[in-house]
Protein backbone atom coordinates (compact mmCIF):
# COMPACT_ATOMS: atom_id res chain seq x y z
CA UNK A 1 59.74 -43.08 158.87
CA UNK A 2 58.03 -39.73 159.52
CA UNK A 3 56.38 -39.17 162.88
CA UNK A 4 53.44 -36.83 163.23
CA UNK A 5 53.18 -34.27 166.03
CA UNK A 6 49.53 -33.50 166.73
CA UNK A 7 48.30 -29.97 167.42
CA UNK A 8 45.55 -29.49 170.02
CA UNK A 9 43.05 -28.64 167.28
CA UNK A 10 43.41 -32.25 166.03
CA UNK A 11 41.38 -33.21 169.10
CA UNK A 12 39.22 -30.14 169.70
CA UNK A 13 37.94 -29.61 166.13
CA UNK A 14 36.97 -33.25 165.49
CA UNK A 15 35.14 -33.42 168.81
CA UNK A 16 33.21 -30.19 168.16
CA UNK A 17 32.63 -30.36 164.38
CA UNK A 18 33.28 -33.69 162.74
CA UNK A 19 33.43 -36.68 165.06
CA UNK A 20 31.47 -36.17 168.27
CA UNK A 21 32.09 -38.81 170.91
CA UNK A 22 28.45 -39.89 170.77
CA UNK A 23 27.94 -40.05 166.99
CA UNK A 24 31.38 -41.35 165.97
CA UNK A 25 32.81 -43.55 168.71
CA UNK A 26 34.56 -45.52 165.96
CA UNK A 27 36.70 -42.49 165.12
CA UNK A 28 37.88 -42.12 168.72
CA UNK A 29 38.50 -45.86 168.91
CA UNK A 30 40.64 -45.62 165.76
CA UNK A 31 42.59 -42.65 167.14
CA UNK A 32 43.15 -44.43 170.43
CA UNK A 33 44.41 -47.54 168.60
CA UNK A 34 46.75 -45.46 166.42
CA UNK A 35 48.14 -43.67 169.46
CA UNK A 36 48.64 -46.88 171.40
CA UNK A 37 50.23 -48.94 168.61
CA UNK A 38 53.71 -50.22 169.24
CA UNK A 39 56.01 -47.85 167.33
CA UNK A 40 53.13 -45.43 166.78
CA UNK A 41 53.76 -42.69 164.25
CA UNK A 42 51.67 -40.24 166.28
CA UNK A 43 53.22 -38.02 168.93
CA UNK A 44 51.42 -35.93 171.53
CA UNK A 45 53.45 -33.28 173.30
CA UNK A 46 52.78 -32.30 176.90
CA UNK A 47 52.01 -28.72 175.82
CA UNK A 48 49.21 -30.05 173.57
CA UNK A 49 47.87 -32.40 176.24
CA UNK A 50 47.68 -29.42 178.60
CA UNK A 51 45.72 -27.39 176.02
CA UNK A 52 43.17 -30.07 175.21
CA UNK A 53 42.49 -30.68 178.88
CA UNK A 54 40.58 -27.38 179.06
CA UNK A 55 37.53 -29.23 177.72
CA UNK A 56 36.12 -31.67 180.31
CA UNK A 57 35.06 -34.24 177.68
CA UNK A 58 38.50 -34.32 176.10
CA UNK A 59 40.19 -34.30 179.47
CA UNK A 60 38.25 -37.40 180.50
CA UNK A 61 39.01 -39.12 177.18
CA UNK A 62 42.73 -38.31 177.32
CA UNK A 63 43.02 -39.53 180.90
CA UNK A 64 41.29 -42.78 179.99
CA UNK A 65 43.16 -43.42 176.75
CA UNK A 66 46.56 -41.83 176.48
CA UNK A 67 47.79 -39.97 179.54
CA UNK A 68 50.78 -42.34 179.58
CA UNK A 69 51.58 -41.59 175.90
CA UNK A 70 52.31 -37.89 176.29
CA UNK A 71 55.91 -37.03 175.45
CA UNK A 72 57.53 -34.38 177.59
CA UNK A 73 60.10 -33.08 175.12
CA UNK A 74 59.66 -29.74 176.89
CA UNK A 75 62.65 -30.64 179.07
CA UNK A 76 65.05 -30.86 176.12
CA UNK A 77 67.42 -27.82 176.16
CA UNK A 78 67.78 -28.01 172.37
CA UNK A 79 64.01 -27.63 172.02
CA UNK A 80 64.11 -24.52 174.21
CA UNK A 81 66.98 -23.10 172.19
CA UNK A 82 64.91 -23.58 169.01
CA UNK A 83 61.87 -22.14 170.80
CA UNK A 84 63.85 -18.95 171.56
CA UNK A 85 64.90 -18.77 167.90
CA UNK A 86 61.26 -19.10 166.80
CA UNK A 87 60.03 -16.40 169.19
CA UNK A 88 62.89 -14.14 168.09
CA UNK A 89 61.93 -14.64 164.43
CA UNK A 90 58.24 -13.92 165.09
CA UNK A 91 59.16 -10.83 167.08
CA UNK A 92 61.64 -9.45 164.54
CA UNK A 93 60.34 -10.50 161.11
CA UNK A 94 58.11 -7.42 160.98
CA UNK A 95 55.01 -9.38 160.03
CA UNK A 96 53.16 -9.18 163.35
CA UNK A 97 51.81 -6.49 165.61
CA UNK A 98 53.03 -6.54 169.21
CA UNK A 99 49.78 -8.08 170.47
CA UNK A 100 50.12 -10.92 167.98
CA UNK A 101 53.67 -11.64 169.10
CA UNK A 102 52.63 -11.49 172.76
CA UNK A 103 50.02 -14.21 172.14
CA UNK A 104 52.82 -16.60 171.19
CA UNK A 105 54.92 -15.57 174.18
CA UNK A 106 52.23 -16.48 176.72
CA UNK A 107 53.13 -19.29 179.11
CA UNK A 108 51.49 -22.53 178.02
CA UNK A 109 51.08 -21.47 174.37
CA UNK A 110 51.76 -24.69 172.47
CA UNK A 111 52.23 -23.40 168.89
CA UNK A 112 55.84 -22.16 169.03
CA UNK A 113 56.83 -25.11 171.20
CA UNK A 114 55.30 -27.55 168.68
CA UNK A 115 57.41 -26.02 165.93
CA UNK A 116 60.52 -26.24 168.12
CA UNK A 117 59.86 -29.91 168.94
CA UNK A 118 59.08 -30.76 165.30
CA UNK A 119 62.22 -28.98 164.15
CA UNK A 120 64.42 -30.72 166.72
CA UNK A 121 63.04 -34.23 166.13
CA UNK A 122 62.15 -34.00 162.41
CA UNK A 123 58.43 -34.48 163.02
CA UNK A 124 55.68 -33.29 160.70
CA UNK A 125 53.02 -31.14 162.40
CA UNK A 126 49.37 -32.12 162.02
CA UNK A 127 47.09 -29.10 162.38
CA UNK A 128 43.92 -27.60 160.98
CA UNK A 129 45.66 -24.23 160.69
CA UNK A 130 46.39 -22.98 157.17
CA UNK A 131 49.01 -20.61 155.81
CA UNK A 132 47.90 -16.99 156.03
CA UNK A 133 48.97 -16.11 152.49
CA UNK A 134 51.16 -13.36 153.93
CA UNK A 135 54.41 -15.31 153.53
CA UNK A 136 56.31 -16.57 150.51
CA UNK A 137 59.77 -17.34 149.20
CA UNK A 138 62.01 -14.25 148.96
CA UNK A 139 64.87 -13.56 146.52
CA UNK A 140 67.15 -15.75 148.66
CA UNK A 141 64.61 -18.59 148.40
CA UNK A 142 63.83 -18.27 152.12
CA UNK A 143 60.29 -18.39 153.48
CA UNK A 144 59.53 -14.90 154.86
CA UNK A 145 56.86 -12.24 155.17
CA UNK A 146 55.91 -10.69 151.81
CA UNK A 147 55.50 -7.17 153.29
CA UNK A 148 52.12 -6.72 151.65
CA UNK A 149 50.09 -4.44 153.88
CA UNK A 150 50.85 -3.57 157.47
CA UNK A 151 51.77 -5.93 160.27
CA UNK A 152 49.31 -8.76 160.85
CA UNK A 153 46.85 -8.39 163.75
CA UNK A 154 46.07 -12.06 164.34
CA UNK A 155 48.50 -14.40 166.03
CA UNK A 156 50.98 -16.28 163.85
CA UNK A 157 49.79 -19.38 162.03
CA UNK A 158 51.76 -22.56 162.66
CA UNK A 159 52.29 -23.36 158.93
CA UNK A 160 53.71 -19.88 158.19
CA UNK A 161 56.32 -20.04 160.91
CA UNK A 162 56.97 -23.80 160.68
CA UNK A 163 57.86 -23.53 156.99
CA UNK A 164 60.45 -20.84 157.79
CA UNK A 165 62.13 -23.37 160.10
CA UNK A 166 61.95 -26.25 157.62
CA UNK A 167 59.01 -28.00 159.29
CA UNK A 168 56.13 -29.21 157.12
CA UNK A 169 52.48 -29.33 158.16
CA UNK A 170 49.55 -31.45 157.06
CA UNK A 171 45.90 -31.47 158.09
CA UNK A 172 44.25 -34.13 160.20
CA UNK A 173 42.35 -35.21 157.07
CA UNK A 174 45.67 -35.74 155.26
CA UNK A 175 46.87 -37.85 158.18
CA UNK A 176 43.67 -39.89 158.20
CA UNK A 177 44.22 -40.64 154.52
CA UNK A 178 47.87 -41.60 155.06
CA UNK A 179 46.89 -43.92 157.92
CA UNK A 180 43.92 -45.27 155.94
CA UNK A 181 41.16 -44.29 158.36
CA UNK A 182 37.95 -46.17 157.64
CA UNK A 183 35.02 -45.63 160.02
C-alpha cells in the first residue's frame, strides 16, 4: 500500500487559503484522525514539521495533535546518500541558476530531503507544487531539462526533480479524494 509523504504546503496552504482553523474545524479534525490512525498512510517528516512550525497557529496545532507522529528519517544514511545525489543533479543538470541551486542547499530546506525520503521508502509526495513545464522525457526516455531558454531563476519544483528520481507527486486535493474526505 502506498504511503503519502506530506510537504509543508499541505498544512500552510489549507490553513491560509482553504480550510482556516476557525471556519473549517472539521477539516483539521479529519486530518488529525487520518494522521493518528493505526497504520496511517500519511507520513510527516521532521524537516516538514520544522518548516510548518514557523507559523504560531500551525505550531500550536502540530504540538497538540501530532508531535509524536513525526518520522525522523533524516538519520538514515541511505536518505542522505540520495539527498547528495539529488543536490548533485540539481547543481549539474544545467536547468538552474546558481541562486536557485543555493536555495535547495540551505540548511533546513525540506524539498530535496522529501524527495530523498520518498525515493528511499517508496512514498508518494503530496504537495501543491506543480511541474514547471521546463522538463520532459529526453531521447533516452529520462526525465530531464528541455533546454528551452536559459537557466531557471526560481528554485526547483519538487515534481520536476522528484520525477527524475522516480518519485511521483499528487496534490492535497488528490489525496483528499483518495481518502474520501467529506466535511
